[in-house]
Structure formats: C-alpha cells, structure tokens
Amino acid sequence: MSIAPKLPSDWLNSTAGQYLQVKEQALYDQAVFDLFGFNAVQMGGLQMNLLSNSRIPNRYKLSDFSVNSVTYKAFAHDLACSDDFLPFAEMSLDLVLLPHRLEFSERPHQTLREAARVMMPDGHLLISGFNPLSTWGVTASLRKIFLKQTNYPWNGKFIGLTRLKDWLALLGFEVVSVDMCCHVPPFETSAWHKRFSFMDKISERCCRRLGGVYFIVAKKRVVGMMPIKPNWKTPLKSSLMGVQPKTNPSQSKPAQSETSEKIT
C-alpha cells in the first residue's frame, strides 16, 4: 500500500514537479530502449509514460488506487492492485519499473520482494527515488520538522542509495548502473529555478552523488549449479612419484604390470 496522496497532481504541475518529470523521463527513455522481452510493467508514476520508448510489445501501468480514466486522463492505468502482492505469476515479467514507489510504500521490502518474484531471470528492474543526501532530502526534513507538512512528495520516507543497494543484493539483483539527476534545489518559483539552473552542469562534474534523484538499473541474477571439473592432474602426480594408479575392479583386461610378469 502507498502512503502518498491519491492524486499528487498539484505538486507535479509546479516548477519543481515539471523539472523532476523532464529529468526522469529522459533517463527512463534511454534505459528502456535497449531492454528486450515480452512483458513490462510500470508501477506508479502514472503521470509519466516511462515505457513509451520501450520496444517490448506488452506494456502495462499499475496503480494502487483506481480512478476514472476519463476524468483523470493523466493518471490512466491498466490495473489497480497493491504493490505488496502483485497479481502476476512467478517469473512472468521481463522489465519492472518502480518510479518513486519504495519511498511511498508502507512496506518497501515487500514491494521489492514482489518485484523479484514476478521477474524473469536476467530481467531488469529500474528504480528512481529521492536522495536523502541532497537539497531535496534536506527540504523534506525541514518541512516535516518546522512546517509539519505532509504533502507530496515531502511526506515520503526517503531511502539512501547505499541502503537500497544492500536490499537489492540480498534479493539477488546486480546493480548495472547508477545515475543521478535533479541537482537544482526544489524551488517552487521559476525565477529561483532559473538562477540555480547552472547547478546541473557543475554538479554532474564535481558532486554527482548529491543529485536530488537517483536512478538505478538492476538485473536479476539466478545462481545456478557449479560444474565439477575433472581432476586431470591427479594420475600425473601419482606416476611422477612412482606410485602406480589403482586399477578398476571391473576392468576385463589385466593390468600391464601383471601381463609382463606372466611373460617372464
């Protein structure tokens, strides 16, 4: 289940919200273009079509609440369900997108476990989340402490990048790449946003880790059986030491040493 408001469209239409959507859309478009398969699912982030650049034939958008698609066209979706228990069979999805789902989930561990359950081996998981070690994370903390604000997105429980990597490793995911975006602080006015727009270029060179949003591409790995290699060196070492190798009792022919004794 989600702790986010049902329709966070007010903030998404603000200067910071529009800036966030442009930056994340570019990252998702670049990532999904080279990923192949049959079934792809986007969980959350209904205001953005993050699978629009994907070449996977079957693409679906999931929501944890149901809305009228005619009234709220920006939040149209194919299926309404809880992200704690997905209505998909095991190993049935090739690509899963989690745009800001974990920090707004009541049980982020279970959300990740469900994503791992329904994904095919070598399937890809794409995650975007707010970085608590950034101006966005500081803004969220200050608003909660001093202003007592619980509006989207500041009411989310931001998860650190290192912590999220540990969760993925425990579930058998390999982190393929990590990118950062949204280095400009989340100003609500366009004038202040333009004044600090230079931070995108500077931060990408100097301090990329301080971006407001991290973007992770992870791959599901399945541990297989380890092949047992034959020990070819053992007979060679035995002959060099003057030790005759033991014969197999099931052999029908006598050993070479026994044959030479009978001849003599």
C-alpha atoms as a PDB file:
ATOM      1  CA  MET A   1       0.000   0.000   0.000  1.00  0.00           C
ATOM      2  CA  SER A   2       1.030   3.597  -0.587  1.00  0.00           C
ATOM      3  CA  ILE A   3       1.408   6.486   1.852  1.00  0.00           C
ATOM      4  CA  ALA A   4       1.302   9.046  -0.979  1.00  0.00           C
ATOM      5  CA  PRO A   5      -1.860  11.024  -1.706  1.00  0.00           C
ATOM      6  CA  LYS A   6      -4.119   9.561  -4.320  1.00  0.00           C
ATOM      7  CA  LEU A   7      -3.678  12.355  -6.874  1.00  0.00           C
ATOM      8  CA  PRO A   8      -0.468  14.369  -6.352  1.00  0.00           C
ATOM      9  CA  SER A   9      -1.112  16.436  -9.477  1.00  0.00           C
ATOM     10  CA  ASP A  10      -0.832  19.849  -7.755  1.00  0.00           C
ATOM     11  CA  TRP A  11       2.853  19.466  -6.929  1.00  0.00           C
ATOM     12  CA  LEU A  12       3.610  17.713 -10.224  1.00  0.00           C
ATOM     13  CA  ASN A  13       2.341  20.776 -12.085  1.00  0.00           C
ATOM     14  CA  SER A  14       4.648  23.071 -10.124  1.00  0.00           C
ATOM     15  CA  THR A  15       8.099  24.218 -11.277  1.00  0.00           C
ATOM     16  CA  ALA A  16       9.897  21.550  -9.248  1.00  0.00           C
ATOM     17  CA  GLY A  17       7.452  18.853 -10.334  1.00  0.00           C
ATOM     18  CA  GLN A  18       7.823  19.642 -14.019  1.00  0.00           C
ATOM     19  CA  TYR A  19      11.611  19.757 -13.661  1.00  0.00           C
ATOM     20  CA  LEU A  20      11.583  16.333 -11.992  1.00  0.00           C
ATOM     21  CA  GLN A  21       9.434  14.753 -14.710  1.00  0.00           C
ATOM     22  CA  VAL A  22      11.614  16.048 -17.551  1.00  0.00           C
ATOM     23  CA  LYS A  23      14.818  14.736 -15.985  1.00  0.00           C
ATOM     24  CA  GLU A  24      13.413  11.327 -15.077  1.00  0.00           C
ATOM     25  CA  GLN A  25      11.656  10.834 -18.402  1.00  0.00           C
ATOM     26  CA  ALA A  26      14.979  11.261 -20.204  1.00  0.00           C
ATOM     27  CA  LEU A  27      16.675   8.651 -18.002  1.00  0.00           C
ATOM     28  CA  TYR A  28      13.901   6.084 -18.415  1.00  0.00           C
ATOM     29  CA  ASP A  29      13.673   6.646 -22.180  1.00  0.00           C
ATOM     30  CA  GLN A  30      17.372   5.976 -22.570  1.00  0.00           C
ATOM     31  CA  ALA A  31      17.354   2.880 -20.344  1.00  0.00           C
ATOM     32  CA  VAL A  32      14.277   1.040 -21.658  1.00  0.00           C
ATOM     33  CA  PHE A  33      15.191   1.436 -25.323  1.00  0.00           C
ATOM     34  CA  ASP A  34      17.874  -1.287 -25.199  1.00  0.00           C
ATOM     35  CA  LEU A  35      15.949  -3.733 -22.971  1.00  0.00           C
ATOM     36  CA  PHE A  36      14.021  -6.531 -24.635  1.00  0.00           C
ATOM     37  CA  GLY A  37      11.413  -9.102 -23.656  1.00  0.00           C
ATOM     38  CA  PHE A  38       7.673  -9.706 -23.854  1.00  0.00           C
ATOM     39  CA  ASN A  39       6.089  -8.117 -20.762  1.00  0.00           C
ATOM     40  CA  ALA A  40       6.894  -4.843 -18.993  1.00  0.00           C
ATOM     41  CA  VAL A  41       5.153  -3.176 -16.038  1.00  0.00           C
ATOM     42  CA  GLN A  42       5.344   0.352 -14.662  1.00  0.00           C
ATOM     43  CA  MET A  43       4.290   0.539 -11.015  1.00  0.00           C
ATOM     44  CA  GLY A  44       3.303   4.076 -10.067  1.00  0.00           C
ATOM     45  CA  GLY A  45       4.314   7.366 -11.609  1.00  0.00           C
ATOM     46  CA  LEU A  46       1.092   7.393 -13.625  1.00  0.00           C
ATOM     47  CA  GLN A  47       1.563  10.987 -14.751  1.00  0.00           C
ATOM     48  CA  MET A  48       4.542   9.835 -16.858  1.00  0.00           C
ATOM     49  CA  ASN A  49       4.574   7.205 -19.594  1.00  0.00           C
ATOM     50  CA  LEU A  50       8.008   5.801 -18.780  1.00  0.00           C
ATOM     51  CA  LEU A  51       7.607   2.845 -21.162  1.00  0.00           C
ATOM     52  CA  SER A  52       6.856   4.986 -24.210  1.00  0.00           C
ATOM     53  CA  ASN A  53      10.343   4.423 -25.642  1.00  0.00           C
ATOM     54  CA  SER A  54      10.366   0.669 -24.942  1.00  0.00           C
ATOM     55  CA  ARG A  55      10.244  -1.892 -27.742  1.00  0.00           C
ATOM     56  CA  ILE A  56       8.651  -4.563 -25.523  1.00  0.00           C
ATOM     57  CA  PRO A  57       5.243  -5.439 -27.054  1.00  0.00           C
ATOM     58  CA  ASN A  58       3.188  -5.861 -23.861  1.00  0.00           C
ATOM     59  CA  ARG A  59       3.418  -2.770 -21.633  1.00  0.00           C
ATOM     60  CA  TYR A  60       1.184  -2.089 -18.617  1.00  0.00           C
ATOM     61  CA  LYS A  61       0.765   0.620 -15.987  1.00  0.00           C
ATOM     62  CA  LEU A  62      -0.181  -0.357 -12.432  1.00  0.00           C
ATOM     63  CA  SER A  63      -1.680   1.767  -9.683  1.00  0.00           C
ATOM     64  CA  ASP A  64      -2.522   1.142  -6.041  1.00  0.00           C
ATOM     65  CA  PHE A  65      -5.769   3.093  -6.441  1.00  0.00           C
ATOM     66  CA  SER A  66      -8.484   3.235  -9.059  1.00  0.00           C
ATOM     67  CA  VAL A  67      -9.560   6.463 -10.759  1.00  0.00           C
ATOM     68  CA  ASN A  68     -11.835   7.409 -13.602  1.00  0.00           C
ATOM     69  CA  SER A  69      -9.630   7.413 -16.686  1.00  0.00           C
ATOM     70  CA  VAL A  70     -11.961   9.852 -18.444  1.00  0.00           C
ATOM     71  CA  THR A  71     -11.843  12.441 -15.670  1.00  0.00           C
ATOM     72  CA  TYR A  72      -8.169  11.951 -14.789  1.00  0.00           C
ATOM     73  CA  LYS A  73      -6.525  11.165 -18.107  1.00  0.00           C
ATOM     74  CA  ALA A  74      -3.039  11.871 -16.739  1.00  0.00           C
ATOM     75  CA  PHE A  75      -3.458   9.041 -14.212  1.00  0.00           C
ATOM     76  CA  ALA A  76      -4.851   6.403 -16.570  1.00  0.00           C
ATOM     77  CA  HIS A  77      -3.733   2.850 -15.795  1.00  0.00           C
ATOM     78  CA  ASP A  78      -4.368  -0.724 -16.857  1.00  0.00           C
ATOM     79  CA  LEU A  79      -4.643  -2.399 -13.463  1.00  0.00           C
ATOM     80  CA  ALA A  80      -5.283  -1.321  -9.874  1.00  0.00           C
ATOM     81  CA  CYS A  81      -3.665  -3.549  -7.245  1.00  0.00           C
ATOM     82  CA  SER A  82      -1.480  -3.488  -4.157  1.00  0.00           C
ATOM     83  CA  ASP A  83       2.253  -3.437  -4.783  1.00  0.00           C
ATOM     84  CA  ASP A  84       2.694  -5.766  -1.794  1.00  0.00           C
ATOM     85  CA  PHE A  85       1.033  -8.683  -3.617  1.00  0.00           C
ATOM     86  CA  LEU A  86       1.134  -8.436  -7.384  1.00  0.00           C
ATOM     87  CA  PRO A  87      -1.385 -10.460  -9.455  1.00  0.00           C
ATOM     88  CA  PHE A  88       1.307 -11.966 -11.674  1.00  0.00           C
ATOM     89  CA  ALA A  89       2.796 -15.431 -11.857  1.00  0.00           C
ATOM     90  CA  GLU A  90       6.371 -16.068 -10.850  1.00  0.00           C
ATOM     91  CA  MET A  91       8.970 -15.231 -13.483  1.00  0.00           C
ATOM     92  CA  SER A  92       6.457 -13.669 -15.889  1.00  0.00           C
ATOM     93  CA  LEU A  93       7.813 -10.123 -16.384  1.00  0.00           C
ATOM     94  CA  ASP A  94      10.935  -9.050 -18.243  1.00  0.00           C
ATOM     95  CA  LEU A  95      11.006  -5.421 -17.119  1.00  0.00           C
ATOM     96  CA  VAL A  96       9.674  -3.741 -13.965  1.00  0.00           C
ATOM     97  CA  LEU A  97       9.746  -0.004 -13.288  1.00  0.00           C
ATOM     98  CA  LEU A  98       9.465   1.454  -9.776  1.00  0.00           C
ATOM     99  CA  PRO A  99       9.348   5.248 -10.121  1.00  0.00           C
ATOM    100  CA  HIS A 100       9.238   6.573  -6.531  1.00  0.00           C
ATOM    101  CA  ARG A 101       7.323   3.533  -5.317  1.00  0.00           C
ATOM    102  CA  LEU A 102       9.594   2.446  -2.490  1.00  0.00           C
ATOM    103  CA  GLU A 103       9.698   5.699  -0.508  1.00  0.00           C
ATOM    104  CA  PHE A 104       5.896   5.886  -0.656  1.00  0.00           C
ATOM    105  CA  SER A 105       5.248   2.242   0.164  1.00  0.00           C
ATOM    106  CA  GLU A 106       4.267   1.170   3.657  1.00  0.00           C
ATOM    107  CA  ARG A 107       6.377  -1.973   3.227  1.00  0.00           C
ATOM    108  CA  PRO A 108       9.189  -1.238   0.765  1.00  0.00           C
ATOM    109  CA  HIS A 109      10.901  -4.579   1.493  1.00  0.00           C
ATOM    110  CA  GLN A 110       7.786  -6.479   0.459  1.00  0.00           C
ATOM    111  CA  THR A 111       7.423  -4.336  -2.646  1.00  0.00           C
ATOM    112  CA  LEU A 112      10.945  -5.275  -3.713  1.00  0.00           C
ATOM    113  CA  ARG A 113      10.362  -8.947  -2.913  1.00  0.00           C
ATOM    114  CA  GLU A 114       7.256  -8.982  -5.078  1.00  0.00           C
ATOM    115  CA  ALA A 115       9.159  -7.357  -7.912  1.00  0.00           C
ATOM    116  CA  ALA A 116      11.857 -10.027  -7.631  1.00  0.00           C
ATOM    117  CA  ARG A 117       9.265 -12.809  -7.547  1.00  0.00           C
ATOM    118  CA  VAL A 118       7.481 -11.855 -10.750  1.00  0.00           C
ATOM    119  CA  MET A 119      10.621 -11.072 -12.748  1.00  0.00           C
ATOM    120  CA  MET A 120      12.247 -13.417 -15.236  1.00  0.00           C
ATOM    121  CA  PRO A 121      15.880 -14.469 -14.735  1.00  0.00           C
ATOM    122  CA  ASP A 122      18.127 -11.782 -16.232  1.00  0.00           C
ATOM    123  CA  GLY A 123      15.161  -9.397 -16.192  1.00  0.00           C
ATOM    124  CA  HIS A 124      15.742  -5.728 -15.431  1.00  0.00           C
ATOM    125  CA  LEU A 125      14.481  -3.590 -12.572  1.00  0.00           C
ATOM    126  CA  LEU A 126      14.534   0.213 -12.895  1.00  0.00           C
ATOM    127  CA  ILE A 127      14.176   2.313  -9.743  1.00  0.00           C
ATOM    128  CA  SER A 128      14.079   6.074  -9.234  1.00  0.00           C
ATOM    129  CA  GLY A 129      13.976   7.581  -5.766  1.00  0.00           C
ATOM    130  CA  PHE A 130      14.637  10.777  -3.845  1.00  0.00           C
ATOM    131  CA  ASN A 131      18.149  11.080  -2.474  1.00  0.00           C
ATOM    132  CA  PRO A 132      18.102  11.979   1.249  1.00  0.00           C
ATOM    133  CA  LEU A 133      21.689  13.308   0.954  1.00  0.00           C
ATOM    134  CA  SER A 134      20.680  16.209  -1.282  1.00  0.00           C
ATOM    135  CA  THR A 135      18.902  19.540  -1.171  1.00  0.00           C
ATOM    136  CA  TRP A 136      15.700  17.635  -1.883  1.00  0.00           C
ATOM    137  CA  GLY A 137      16.246  15.418   1.149  1.00  0.00           C
ATOM    138  CA  VAL A 138      17.097  18.416   3.364  1.00  0.00           C
ATOM    139  CA  THR A 139      13.986  20.213   2.159  1.00  0.00           C
ATOM    140  CA  ALA A 140      11.828  17.225   3.078  1.00  0.00           C
ATOM    141  CA  SER A 141      13.347  17.026   6.571  1.00  0.00           C
ATOM    142  CA  LEU A 142      12.925  20.757   7.247  1.00  0.00           C
ATOM    143  CA  ARG A 143       9.326  20.779   6.065  1.00  0.00           C
ATOM    144  CA  LYS A 144       8.462  17.851   8.325  1.00  0.00           C
ATOM    145  CA  ILE A 145      10.165  19.333  11.400  1.00  0.00           C
ATOM    146  CA  PHE A 146       9.280  23.024  11.207  1.00  0.00           C
ATOM    147  CA  LEU A 147       6.290  23.301   8.892  1.00  0.00           C
ATOM    148  CA  LYS A 148       4.658  19.962   9.787  1.00  0.00           C
ATOM    149  CA  GLN A 149       3.870  19.452   6.126  1.00  0.00           C
ATOM    150  CA  THR A 150       2.746  16.054   4.914  1.00  0.00           C
ATOM    151  CA  ASN A 151       2.161  16.928   1.292  1.00  0.00           C
ATOM    152  CA  TYR A 152       3.591  15.023  -1.638  1.00  0.00           C
ATOM    153  CA  PRO A 153       6.484  14.417  -2.085  1.00  0.00           C
ATOM    154  CA  TRP A 154       7.818  15.565   1.281  1.00  0.00           C
ATOM    155  CA  ASN A 155       5.801  13.004   3.220  1.00  0.00           C
ATOM    156  CA  GLY A 156       7.762  10.105   1.748  1.00  0.00           C
ATOM    157  CA  LYS A 157      10.321   8.018   3.597  1.00  0.00           C
ATOM    158  CA  PHE A 158      13.418   8.663   1.510  1.00  0.00           C
ATOM    159  CA  ILE A 159      15.748   5.652   1.221  1.00  0.00           C
ATOM    160  CA  GLY A 160      19.514   6.074   0.939  1.00  0.00           C
ATOM    161  CA  LEU A 161      21.306   4.771  -2.128  1.00  0.00           C
ATOM    162  CA  THR A 162      23.695   2.540  -0.165  1.00  0.00           C
ATOM    163  CA  ARG A 163      20.846   1.024   1.806  1.00  0.00           C
ATOM    164  CA  LEU A 164      18.857   0.293  -1.332  1.00  0.00           C
ATOM    165  CA  LYS A 165      21.868  -1.397  -2.939  1.00  0.00           C
ATOM    166  CA  ASP A 166      22.097  -3.736   0.063  1.00  0.00           C
ATOM    167  CA  TRP A 167      18.420  -4.656  -0.296  1.00  0.00           C
ATOM    168  CA  LEU A 168      18.893  -5.432  -3.973  1.00  0.00           C
ATOM    169  CA  ALA A 169      21.955  -7.587  -3.299  1.00  0.00           C
ATOM    170  CA  LEU A 170      20.032  -9.662  -0.737  1.00  0.00           C
ATOM    171  CA  LEU A 171      17.315 -10.338  -3.328  1.00  0.00           C
ATOM    172  CA  GLY A 172      19.813 -11.468  -5.946  1.00  0.00           C
ATOM    173  CA  PHE A 173      19.982  -8.305  -8.046  1.00  0.00           C
ATOM    174  CA  GLU A 174      23.126  -6.987  -9.651  1.00  0.00           C
ATOM    175  CA  VAL A 175      23.315  -3.196  -9.897  1.00  0.00           C
ATOM    176  CA  VAL A 176      24.243  -2.487 -13.516  1.00  0.00           C
ATOM    177  CA  SER A 177      24.367   1.311 -13.366  1.00  0.00           C
ATOM    178  CA  VAL A 178      23.507   4.265 -11.130  1.00  0.00           C
ATOM    179  CA  ASP A 179      22.788   7.769 -12.368  1.00  0.00           C
ATOM    180  CA  MET A 180      21.801  10.998 -10.626  1.00  0.00           C
ATOM    181  CA  CYS A 181      19.649  13.910 -11.726  1.00  0.00           C
ATOM    182  CA  CYS A 182      17.811  16.978 -10.379  1.00  0.00           C
ATOM    183  CA  HIS A 183      20.780  18.864  -8.933  1.00  0.00           C
ATOM    184  CA  VAL A 184      18.835  22.122  -8.826  1.00  0.00           C
ATOM    185  CA  PRO A 185      17.113  22.615  -5.439  1.00  0.00           C
ATOM    186  CA  PRO A 186      13.320  22.120  -5.474  1.00  0.00           C
ATOM    187  CA  PHE A 187      12.314  25.763  -5.835  1.00  0.00           C
ATOM    188  CA  GLU A 188       8.617  26.399  -6.302  1.00  0.00           C
ATOM    189  CA  THR A 189       9.106  29.578  -8.333  1.00  0.00           C
ATOM    190  CA  SER A 190      10.522  29.567 -11.840  1.00  0.00           C
ATOM    191  CA  ALA A 191      12.666  32.662 -11.193  1.00  0.00           C
ATOM    192  CA  TRP A 192      14.704  30.971  -8.464  1.00  0.00           C
ATOM    193  CA  HIS A 193      14.901  27.788 -10.501  1.00  0.00           C
ATOM    194  CA  LYS A 194      16.461  29.663 -13.427  1.00  0.00           C
ATOM    195  CA  ARG A 195      19.010  31.327 -11.152  1.00  0.00           C
ATOM    196  CA  PHE A 196      20.300  27.972  -9.957  1.00  0.00           C
ATOM    197  CA  SER A 197      19.996  26.106 -13.254  1.00  0.00           C
ATOM    198  CA  PHE A 198      23.795  26.166 -13.564  1.00  0.00           C
ATOM    199  CA  MET A 199      23.985  23.567 -10.787  1.00  0.00           C
ATOM    200  CA  ASP A 200      23.013  20.794 -13.204  1.00  0.00           C
ATOM    201  CA  LYS A 201      26.225  21.226 -15.181  1.00  0.00           C
ATOM    202  CA  ILE A 202      28.510  21.871 -12.209  1.00  0.00           C
ATOM    203  CA  SER A 203      27.180  19.052 -10.039  1.00  0.00           C
ATOM    204  CA  GLU A 204      27.485  16.475 -12.826  1.00  0.00           C
ATOM    205  CA  ARG A 205      31.225  17.163 -12.918  1.00  0.00           C
ATOM    206  CA  CYS A 206      32.036  17.721  -9.242  1.00  0.00           C
ATOM    207  CA  CYS A 207      29.438  16.154  -6.942  1.00  0.00           C
ATOM    208  CA  ARG A 208      27.085  13.871  -8.818  1.00  0.00           C
ATOM    209  CA  ARG A 209      26.229  11.942  -5.641  1.00  0.00           C
ATOM    210  CA  LEU A 210      24.352  14.988  -4.326  1.00  0.00           C
ATOM    211  CA  GLY A 211      21.664  14.856  -7.003  1.00  0.00           C
ATOM    212  CA  GLY A 212      18.089  15.066  -5.806  1.00  0.00           C
ATOM    213  CA  VAL A 213      17.048  11.816  -7.525  1.00  0.00           C
ATOM    214  CA  TYR A 214      18.963   8.573  -8.099  1.00  0.00           C
ATOM    215  CA  PHE A 215      18.225   6.199 -10.958  1.00  0.00           C
ATOM    216  CA  ILE A 216      19.184   2.517 -10.657  1.00  0.00           C
ATOM    217  CA  VAL A 217      19.281  -0.154 -13.340  1.00  0.00           C
ATOM    218  CA  ALA A 218      19.490  -3.620 -11.750  1.00  0.00           C
ATOM    219  CA  LYS A 219      19.497  -7.102 -13.242  1.00  0.00           C
ATOM    220  CA  LYS A 220      18.048 -10.216 -11.643  1.00  0.00           C
ATOM    221  CA  ARG A 221      20.644 -12.946 -11.281  1.00  0.00           C
ATOM    222  CA  VAL A 222      19.789 -16.589 -10.632  1.00  0.00           C
ATOM    223  CA  VAL A 223      22.510 -18.696  -9.053  1.00  0.00           C
ATOM    224  CA  GLY A 224      22.906 -21.961 -10.975  1.00  0.00           C
ATOM    225  CA  MET A 225      24.749 -25.207 -10.352  1.00  0.00           C
ATOM    226  CA  MET A 226      28.534 -25.141 -10.282  1.00  0.00           C
ATOM    227  CA  PRO A 227      30.060 -27.661 -12.697  1.00  0.00           C
ATOM    228  CA  ILE A 228      32.527 -30.159 -11.222  1.00  0.00           C
ATOM    229  CA  LYS A 229      35.740 -30.190 -13.227  1.00  0.00           C
ATOM    230  CA  PRO A 230      37.658 -33.487 -13.631  1.00  0.00           C
ATOM    231  CA  ASN A 231      40.886 -33.678 -11.693  1.00  0.00           C
ATOM    232  CA  TRP A 232      43.220 -34.446 -14.578  1.00  0.00           C
ATOM    233  CA  LYS A 233      46.383 -33.757 -12.600  1.00  0.00           C
ATOM    234  CA  THR A 234      45.964 -36.500 -10.003  1.00  0.00           C
ATOM    235  CA  PRO A 235      47.142 -39.506 -12.134  1.00  0.00           C
ATOM    236  CA  LEU A 236      50.060 -37.454 -13.461  1.00  0.00           C
ATOM    237  CA  LYS A 237      51.270 -36.578  -9.987  1.00  0.00           C
ATOM    238  CA  SER A 238      50.943 -40.202  -8.860  1.00  0.00           C
ATOM    239  CA  SER A 239      53.068 -41.541 -11.750  1.00  0.00           C
ATOM    240  CA  LEU A 240      55.758 -38.957 -11.168  1.00  0.00           C
ATOM    241  CA  MET A 241      56.053 -40.030  -7.538  1.00  0.00           C
ATOM    242  CA  GLY A 242      56.479 -43.704  -8.520  1.00  0.00           C
ATOM    243  CA  VAL A 243      53.044 -44.753  -7.356  1.00  0.00           C
ATOM    244  CA  GLN A 244      51.057 -46.941  -9.700  1.00  0.00           C
ATOM    245  CA  PRO A 245      47.437 -45.852 -10.178  1.00  0.00           C
ATOM    246  CA  LYS A 246      44.828 -48.220  -8.807  1.00  0.00           C
ATOM    247  CA  THR A 247      43.015 -50.338 -11.338  1.00  0.00           C
ATOM    248  CA  ASN A 248      39.283 -50.579 -11.597  1.00  0.00           C
ATOM    249  CA  PRO A 249      37.981 -53.984 -10.359  1.00  0.00           C
ATOM    250  CA  SER A 250      35.501 -54.020 -13.197  1.00  0.00           C
ATOM    251  CA  GLN A 251      38.246 -53.994 -15.825  1.00  0.00           C
ATOM    252  CA  SER A 252      38.163 -57.075 -18.080  1.00  0.00           C
ATOM    253  CA  LYS A 253      41.811 -56.764 -19.169  1.00  0.00           C
ATOM    254  CA  PRO A 254      44.681 -57.349 -16.741  1.00  0.00           C
ATOM    255  CA  ALA A 255      46.974 -54.513 -15.850  1.00  0.00           C
ATOM    256  CA  GLN A 256      50.168 -54.031 -17.836  1.00  0.00           C
ATOM    257  CA  SER A 257      52.408 -54.977 -14.879  1.00  0.00           C
ATOM    258  CA  GLU A 258      50.640 -58.325 -14.364  1.00  0.00           C
ATOM    259  CA  THR A 259      50.937 -59.220 -18.057  1.00  0.00           C
ATOM    260  CA  SER A 260      54.698 -58.603 -18.094  1.00  0.00           C
ATOM    261  CA  GLU A 261      55.239 -60.856 -15.052  1.00  0.00           C
ATOM    262  CA  LYS A 262      53.420 -63.775 -16.717  1.00  0.00           C
ATOM    263  CA  ILE A 263      55.535 -63.446 -19.869  1.00  0.00           C
ATOM    264  CA  THR A 264      58.800 -63.523 -17.923  1.00  0.00           C
END
